[in-house]
N, C-alpha and C. Protein backbone atom coordinates (compact mmCIF):
# COMPACT_ATOMS: atom_id res chain seq x y z
N MET A 1 57.74 122.53 269.00
CA MET A 1 58.85 121.40 268.52
C MET A 1 59.88 122.20 267.85
N THR A 2 61.22 121.82 268.14
CA THR A 2 62.26 122.43 267.42
C THR A 2 63.43 121.42 267.18
N PHE A 3 63.83 121.47 266.01
CA PHE A 3 64.87 120.38 265.54
C PHE A 3 66.25 120.88 265.89
N SER A 4 66.47 122.06 266.35
CA SER A 4 67.83 122.58 266.52
C SER A 4 68.60 121.64 267.55
N PRO A 5 68.20 121.11 268.60
CA PRO A 5 68.91 120.24 269.43
C PRO A 5 69.47 119.04 268.60
N LEU A 6 68.56 118.45 267.72
CA LEU A 6 68.94 117.40 266.93
C LEU A 6 69.99 117.70 265.92
N PHE A 7 69.85 118.92 265.30
CA PHE A 7 70.80 119.35 264.25
C PHE A 7 72.24 119.56 264.94
N SER A 8 72.24 119.94 266.12
CA SER A 8 73.53 120.24 266.82
C SER A 8 74.16 118.96 267.49
N ALA A 9 73.31 117.87 267.52
CA ALA A 9 73.86 116.66 268.13
C ALA A 9 74.93 115.92 267.27
N PRO A 10 75.75 115.07 267.90
CA PRO A 10 76.67 114.33 267.02
C PRO A 10 76.05 113.46 265.97
N TRP A 11 76.71 113.14 264.97
CA TRP A 11 76.16 112.50 263.77
C TRP A 11 75.53 111.10 264.09
N PRO A 12 76.05 110.27 265.10
CA PRO A 12 75.39 109.08 265.36
C PRO A 12 74.03 109.26 265.95
N ILE A 13 73.80 110.36 266.64
CA ILE A 13 72.48 110.64 267.28
C ILE A 13 71.59 111.08 266.21
N GLN A 14 72.07 111.86 265.19
CA GLN A 14 71.21 112.29 264.10
C GLN A 14 70.73 111.17 263.24
N VAL A 15 71.67 110.22 263.00
CA VAL A 15 71.41 109.06 262.11
C VAL A 15 70.37 108.27 262.85
N HIS A 16 70.62 107.99 264.17
CA HIS A 16 69.73 107.17 264.97
C HIS A 16 68.37 107.79 265.06
N ALA A 17 68.17 109.05 265.31
CA ALA A 17 66.96 109.70 265.48
C ALA A 17 66.13 109.82 264.15
N CYS A 18 66.89 110.14 263.04
CA CYS A 18 66.18 110.29 261.77
C CYS A 18 65.60 108.87 261.32
N ALA A 19 66.46 107.83 261.53
CA ALA A 19 66.00 106.50 261.16
C ALA A 19 64.74 106.09 262.04
N ALA A 20 64.84 106.41 263.32
CA ALA A 20 63.71 106.07 264.15
C ALA A 20 62.45 106.79 263.88
N LEU A 21 62.61 108.14 263.56
CA LEU A 21 61.50 108.94 263.15
C LEU A 21 60.81 108.53 261.84
N ALA A 22 61.66 108.00 260.87
CA ALA A 22 61.21 107.40 259.67
C ALA A 22 60.29 106.19 259.92
N LEU A 23 60.71 105.54 260.89
CA LEU A 23 60.05 104.25 261.21
C LEU A 23 58.53 104.41 261.61
N ILE A 24 58.23 105.67 262.13
CA ILE A 24 56.88 105.88 262.70
C ILE A 24 55.77 105.79 261.50
N PRO A 25 55.88 106.62 260.50
CA PRO A 25 54.81 106.39 259.49
C PRO A 25 54.93 105.09 258.79
N LEU A 26 56.14 104.51 258.61
CA LEU A 26 56.34 103.31 257.97
C LEU A 26 55.59 102.24 258.72
N THR A 27 55.76 102.19 260.08
CA THR A 27 55.09 101.26 260.96
C THR A 27 53.59 101.33 260.77
N ILE A 28 53.10 102.50 260.78
CA ILE A 28 51.60 102.67 260.68
C ILE A 28 51.16 102.15 259.36
N ALA A 29 51.87 102.41 258.31
CA ALA A 29 51.48 101.84 256.94
C ALA A 29 51.53 100.40 256.99
N LEU A 30 52.47 99.72 257.45
CA LEU A 30 52.65 98.31 257.55
C LEU A 30 51.55 97.63 258.38
N PHE A 31 51.02 98.35 259.44
CA PHE A 31 50.04 97.76 260.24
C PHE A 31 48.65 98.00 259.68
N THR A 32 48.52 98.90 258.71
CA THR A 32 47.16 99.25 258.17
C THR A 32 46.94 98.72 256.78
N LEU A 33 48.01 98.38 255.99
CA LEU A 33 47.89 97.91 254.70
C LEU A 33 47.66 96.46 254.67
N VAL A 34 47.38 95.90 253.45
CA VAL A 34 47.23 94.54 253.29
C VAL A 34 48.58 93.83 253.49
N ARG A 35 48.63 92.72 254.17
CA ARG A 35 49.87 92.02 254.47
C ARG A 35 50.13 90.95 253.39
N GLY A 36 51.35 90.75 253.13
CA GLY A 36 51.87 89.55 252.27
C GLY A 36 51.91 89.97 250.80
N ASN A 37 51.53 91.10 250.32
CA ASN A 37 51.68 91.46 249.00
C ASN A 37 53.01 92.14 248.70
N ARG A 38 53.26 92.49 247.41
CA ARG A 38 54.51 93.10 247.12
C ARG A 38 54.86 94.51 247.84
N LEU A 39 53.83 95.17 247.99
CA LEU A 39 54.05 96.51 248.75
C LEU A 39 54.46 96.20 250.16
N HIS A 40 53.76 95.26 250.78
CA HIS A 40 54.11 94.88 252.09
C HIS A 40 55.66 94.48 252.23
N ARG A 41 56.01 93.71 251.20
CA ARG A 41 57.50 93.22 251.31
C ARG A 41 58.47 94.25 251.17
N VAL A 42 58.11 95.20 250.10
CA VAL A 42 59.02 96.36 250.02
C VAL A 42 59.06 97.31 251.12
N LEU A 43 57.93 97.60 251.64
CA LEU A 43 57.91 98.50 252.80
C LEU A 43 58.54 97.68 254.08
N GLY A 44 58.32 96.45 254.17
CA GLY A 44 58.93 95.59 255.18
C GLY A 44 60.43 95.60 255.16
N TRP A 45 60.95 95.52 253.92
CA TRP A 45 62.51 95.56 253.85
C TRP A 45 63.03 96.87 254.21
N ALA A 46 62.20 97.98 253.74
CA ALA A 46 62.63 99.33 254.28
C ALA A 46 62.64 99.40 255.77
N TRP A 47 61.60 98.87 256.35
CA TRP A 47 61.49 98.89 257.82
C TRP A 47 62.52 98.12 258.55
N VAL A 48 62.94 96.97 258.01
CA VAL A 48 64.00 96.14 258.58
C VAL A 48 65.26 96.93 258.49
N LEU A 49 65.58 97.53 257.33
CA LEU A 49 66.83 98.25 257.21
C LEU A 49 66.85 99.49 258.08
N LEU A 50 65.80 100.19 258.20
CA LEU A 50 65.76 101.37 259.17
C LEU A 50 65.91 100.98 260.55
N MET A 51 65.33 99.85 260.99
CA MET A 51 65.45 99.31 262.37
C MET A 51 66.82 98.87 262.58
N ALA A 52 67.54 98.22 261.58
CA ALA A 52 68.82 97.83 261.88
C ALA A 52 69.74 99.03 261.94
N CYS A 53 69.51 100.09 261.19
CA CYS A 53 70.25 101.34 261.27
C CYS A 53 70.02 101.98 262.80
N VAL A 54 68.83 101.82 263.23
CA VAL A 54 68.63 102.46 264.53
C VAL A 54 69.45 101.65 265.61
N ALA A 55 69.29 100.29 265.49
CA ALA A 55 70.00 99.52 266.42
C ALA A 55 71.60 99.57 266.32
N LEU A 56 72.09 99.55 265.10
CA LEU A 56 73.55 99.70 264.86
C LEU A 56 74.14 101.08 265.34
N SER A 57 73.37 102.11 264.99
CA SER A 57 73.82 103.47 265.33
C SER A 57 73.90 103.58 266.91
N SER A 58 73.04 102.92 267.59
CA SER A 58 73.05 103.07 269.02
C SER A 58 74.45 102.76 269.65
N PHE A 59 75.16 101.88 269.05
CA PHE A 59 76.48 101.56 269.49
C PHE A 59 77.52 102.73 269.63
N TRP A 60 77.17 103.68 268.82
CA TRP A 60 78.10 104.92 268.86
C TRP A 60 77.51 106.02 269.72
N ILE A 61 76.42 105.57 270.31
CA ILE A 61 75.85 106.61 271.26
C ILE A 61 76.08 106.15 272.69
N GLN A 62 76.87 106.77 273.49
CA GLN A 62 77.42 106.20 274.74
C GLN A 62 77.21 107.20 275.82
N GLU A 63 76.17 107.91 275.95
CA GLU A 63 75.85 108.91 276.91
C GLU A 63 75.63 108.28 278.34
N ILE A 64 74.98 107.10 278.31
CA ILE A 64 74.70 106.39 279.60
C ILE A 64 75.68 105.18 279.57
N GLN A 65 76.55 105.15 280.51
CA GLN A 65 77.55 104.13 280.57
C GLN A 65 77.39 103.30 281.84
N LEU A 66 77.00 102.09 281.69
CA LEU A 66 76.86 101.21 282.87
C LEU A 66 77.98 100.17 282.90
N ILE A 67 78.26 99.57 281.87
CA ILE A 67 79.44 98.59 281.79
C ILE A 67 80.40 99.14 280.60
N GLY A 68 81.53 99.57 281.01
CA GLY A 68 82.44 100.21 279.96
C GLY A 68 81.70 101.31 279.32
N GLY A 69 81.62 101.34 277.96
CA GLY A 69 80.99 102.46 277.27
C GLY A 69 79.47 102.03 276.98
N PHE A 70 78.98 100.93 277.55
CA PHE A 70 77.68 100.47 277.09
C PHE A 70 76.66 100.45 278.26
N SER A 71 75.36 100.39 277.84
CA SER A 71 74.29 100.42 278.84
C SER A 71 73.34 99.21 278.53
N SER A 72 72.23 99.26 279.11
CA SER A 72 71.28 98.18 278.92
C SER A 72 70.53 98.38 277.59
N ILE A 73 70.50 99.65 277.08
CA ILE A 73 69.89 99.95 275.75
C ILE A 73 70.70 99.28 274.71
N HIS A 74 72.00 99.05 274.87
CA HIS A 74 72.78 98.31 273.82
C HIS A 74 72.52 96.84 273.79
N LEU A 75 72.07 96.34 274.87
CA LEU A 75 71.64 94.92 274.97
C LEU A 75 70.36 94.82 274.17
N LEU A 76 69.37 95.78 274.27
CA LEU A 76 68.21 95.87 273.51
C LEU A 76 68.54 95.89 272.01
N SER A 77 69.60 96.60 271.73
CA SER A 77 70.01 96.79 270.26
C SER A 77 70.47 95.36 269.78
N LEU A 78 71.22 94.62 270.53
CA LEU A 78 71.68 93.29 270.13
C LEU A 78 70.41 92.39 269.93
N VAL A 79 69.49 92.42 270.90
CA VAL A 79 68.35 91.58 270.77
C VAL A 79 67.55 91.95 269.64
N THR A 80 67.48 93.24 269.26
CA THR A 80 66.74 93.75 268.10
C THR A 80 67.35 93.27 266.80
N LEU A 81 68.62 93.30 266.68
CA LEU A 81 69.36 92.81 265.47
C LEU A 81 69.13 91.34 265.26
N VAL A 82 69.17 90.45 266.35
CA VAL A 82 68.96 89.13 266.28
C VAL A 82 67.49 88.81 265.96
N SER A 83 66.59 89.69 266.48
CA SER A 83 65.12 89.42 266.21
C SER A 83 64.83 89.85 264.71
N LEU A 84 65.56 90.73 264.20
CA LEU A 84 65.29 91.18 262.76
C LEU A 84 65.69 90.03 261.94
N VAL A 85 66.79 89.31 262.16
CA VAL A 85 67.21 88.05 261.45
C VAL A 85 66.12 86.96 261.52
N VAL A 86 65.64 86.72 262.75
CA VAL A 86 64.63 85.70 262.98
C VAL A 86 63.40 86.08 262.27
N ALA A 87 62.89 87.31 262.27
CA ALA A 87 61.58 87.72 261.60
C ALA A 87 61.79 87.65 260.12
N VAL A 88 62.81 87.98 259.59
CA VAL A 88 63.02 87.93 258.08
C VAL A 88 63.06 86.45 257.65
N SER A 89 63.91 85.64 258.40
CA SER A 89 63.92 84.19 258.15
C SER A 89 62.54 83.51 258.27
N ALA A 90 61.76 83.92 259.28
CA ALA A 90 60.37 83.36 259.35
C ALA A 90 59.59 83.75 258.22
N ALA A 91 59.64 85.03 257.80
CA ALA A 91 58.85 85.42 256.62
C ALA A 91 59.21 84.75 255.37
N ARG A 92 60.54 84.55 255.21
CA ARG A 92 61.04 83.87 253.98
C ARG A 92 60.67 82.38 254.01
N GLY A 93 60.63 81.91 255.15
CA GLY A 93 60.20 80.39 255.40
C GLY A 93 58.67 80.20 255.46
N LYS A 94 57.94 81.25 255.15
CA LYS A 94 56.41 81.18 255.22
C LYS A 94 55.92 80.83 256.57
N ARG A 95 56.65 81.12 257.70
CA ARG A 95 56.20 80.97 258.97
C ARG A 95 55.56 82.31 259.46
N ARG A 96 54.31 82.59 258.98
CA ARG A 96 53.73 83.85 259.24
C ARG A 96 53.46 84.16 260.63
N GLY A 97 53.00 83.22 261.41
CA GLY A 97 52.77 83.40 262.81
C GLY A 97 54.01 83.92 263.58
N ARG A 98 55.08 83.17 263.37
CA ARG A 98 56.42 83.53 264.03
C ARG A 98 56.81 84.96 263.59
N HIS A 99 56.72 85.25 262.29
CA HIS A 99 57.04 86.50 261.65
C HIS A 99 56.26 87.58 262.37
N ARG A 100 55.00 87.38 262.42
CA ARG A 100 54.11 88.34 263.07
C ARG A 100 54.38 88.58 264.50
N ARG A 101 54.67 87.54 265.35
CA ARG A 101 55.03 87.75 266.77
C ARG A 101 56.28 88.43 266.91
N VAL A 102 57.32 88.18 266.14
CA VAL A 102 58.58 88.84 266.30
C VAL A 102 58.46 90.22 265.93
N MET A 103 57.89 90.55 264.71
CA MET A 103 57.74 91.95 264.28
C MET A 103 56.95 92.75 265.31
N THR A 104 55.88 92.12 265.89
CA THR A 104 55.01 92.82 266.80
C THR A 104 55.84 93.20 268.03
N TRP A 105 56.62 92.16 268.57
CA TRP A 105 57.52 92.50 269.64
C TRP A 105 58.49 93.56 269.31
N LEU A 106 59.11 93.51 268.20
CA LEU A 106 60.04 94.59 267.78
C LEU A 106 59.41 95.96 267.76
N THR A 107 58.15 96.00 267.28
CA THR A 107 57.54 97.26 267.28
C THR A 107 57.15 97.81 268.67
N TYR A 108 56.57 97.00 269.47
CA TYR A 108 56.25 97.46 270.77
C TYR A 108 57.43 97.41 271.90
N GLY A 109 58.19 96.31 271.77
CA GLY A 109 59.23 96.24 272.73
C GLY A 109 60.46 97.16 272.43
N SER A 110 60.87 97.08 271.14
CA SER A 110 62.07 97.96 270.87
C SER A 110 61.80 99.37 270.41
N LEU A 111 60.88 99.44 269.47
CA LEU A 111 60.53 100.87 268.88
C LEU A 111 59.78 101.65 269.80
N THR A 112 58.66 101.21 270.29
CA THR A 112 57.87 101.98 271.21
C THR A 112 58.42 102.23 272.51
N ALA A 113 58.79 101.24 273.20
CA ALA A 113 59.39 101.32 274.56
C ALA A 113 60.66 102.26 274.54
N ALA A 114 61.52 101.93 273.65
CA ALA A 114 62.76 102.77 273.61
C ALA A 114 62.35 104.20 273.18
N GLY A 115 61.34 104.31 272.34
CA GLY A 115 60.88 105.67 271.99
C GLY A 115 60.40 106.55 273.13
N VAL A 116 59.64 105.86 273.93
CA VAL A 116 59.06 106.53 275.12
C VAL A 116 60.20 106.88 276.03
N PHE A 117 61.25 106.07 276.19
CA PHE A 117 62.32 106.41 277.08
C PHE A 117 63.01 107.75 276.58
N THR A 118 63.08 107.87 275.23
CA THR A 118 63.79 109.02 274.71
C THR A 118 63.12 110.33 275.02
N LEU A 119 61.75 110.26 275.43
CA LEU A 119 60.98 111.48 275.65
C LEU A 119 61.10 111.84 277.09
N LEU A 120 61.90 111.16 277.99
CA LEU A 120 62.00 111.59 279.31
C LEU A 120 62.67 113.00 279.41
N PRO A 121 62.40 113.71 280.41
CA PRO A 121 63.07 114.96 280.59
C PRO A 121 64.62 114.81 280.71
N GLY A 122 65.42 115.68 280.12
CA GLY A 122 66.71 115.64 280.05
C GLY A 122 67.39 114.87 278.87
N ARG A 123 66.47 114.21 278.11
CA ARG A 123 66.91 113.51 276.90
C ARG A 123 66.81 114.39 275.68
N LEU A 124 67.54 114.14 274.63
CA LEU A 124 67.53 115.10 273.46
C LEU A 124 66.15 115.24 272.77
N MET A 125 65.50 114.15 272.68
CA MET A 125 64.08 114.07 271.92
C MET A 125 63.13 114.78 272.79
N HIS A 126 63.30 114.76 274.08
CA HIS A 126 62.34 115.63 274.98
C HIS A 126 62.53 117.10 274.50
N ALA A 127 63.79 117.54 274.38
CA ALA A 127 64.07 118.82 273.94
C ALA A 127 63.44 119.16 272.56
N VAL A 128 63.55 118.16 271.65
CA VAL A 128 63.12 118.30 270.24
C VAL A 128 61.61 118.46 270.28
N VAL A 129 60.92 117.49 270.91
CA VAL A 129 59.42 117.41 270.93
C VAL A 129 58.82 118.53 271.71
N PHE A 130 59.30 118.80 272.86
CA PHE A 130 58.66 119.74 273.81
C PHE A 130 59.38 121.11 273.75
N GLY A 131 60.35 121.39 272.91
CA GLY A 131 61.10 122.57 272.83
C GLY A 131 61.60 123.12 274.04
N LEU A 132 62.15 122.27 274.87
CA LEU A 132 62.77 122.78 276.08
C LEU A 132 64.23 122.61 276.04
């Protein structure tokens, strides 16, 4: 593993990757700790802000251009931002089932699926993780 490709990347990629990497231990903590208490809420807000940072920073990353300067990953970013609002609204409205479903989708659909995509050969995080 070498972080030099990340350190030499443009700032939007650095912000995007650092926020995404910070989400990994935070997600594990949120899935393993007791839900609904003060710690869960504090860590949850941190998770939401980091996920919003990942989604928003993606709009300045335009290496793959399908329509203008955007790609399908930017559509995922829009869905992620809307889903964050829905999940927070559900939690604040005590609709725990909806909150859990949306947050689970965000974790597996946005965070995990997009994360796996970044590990494909030729992508920056592939170079970071595998040192190639």
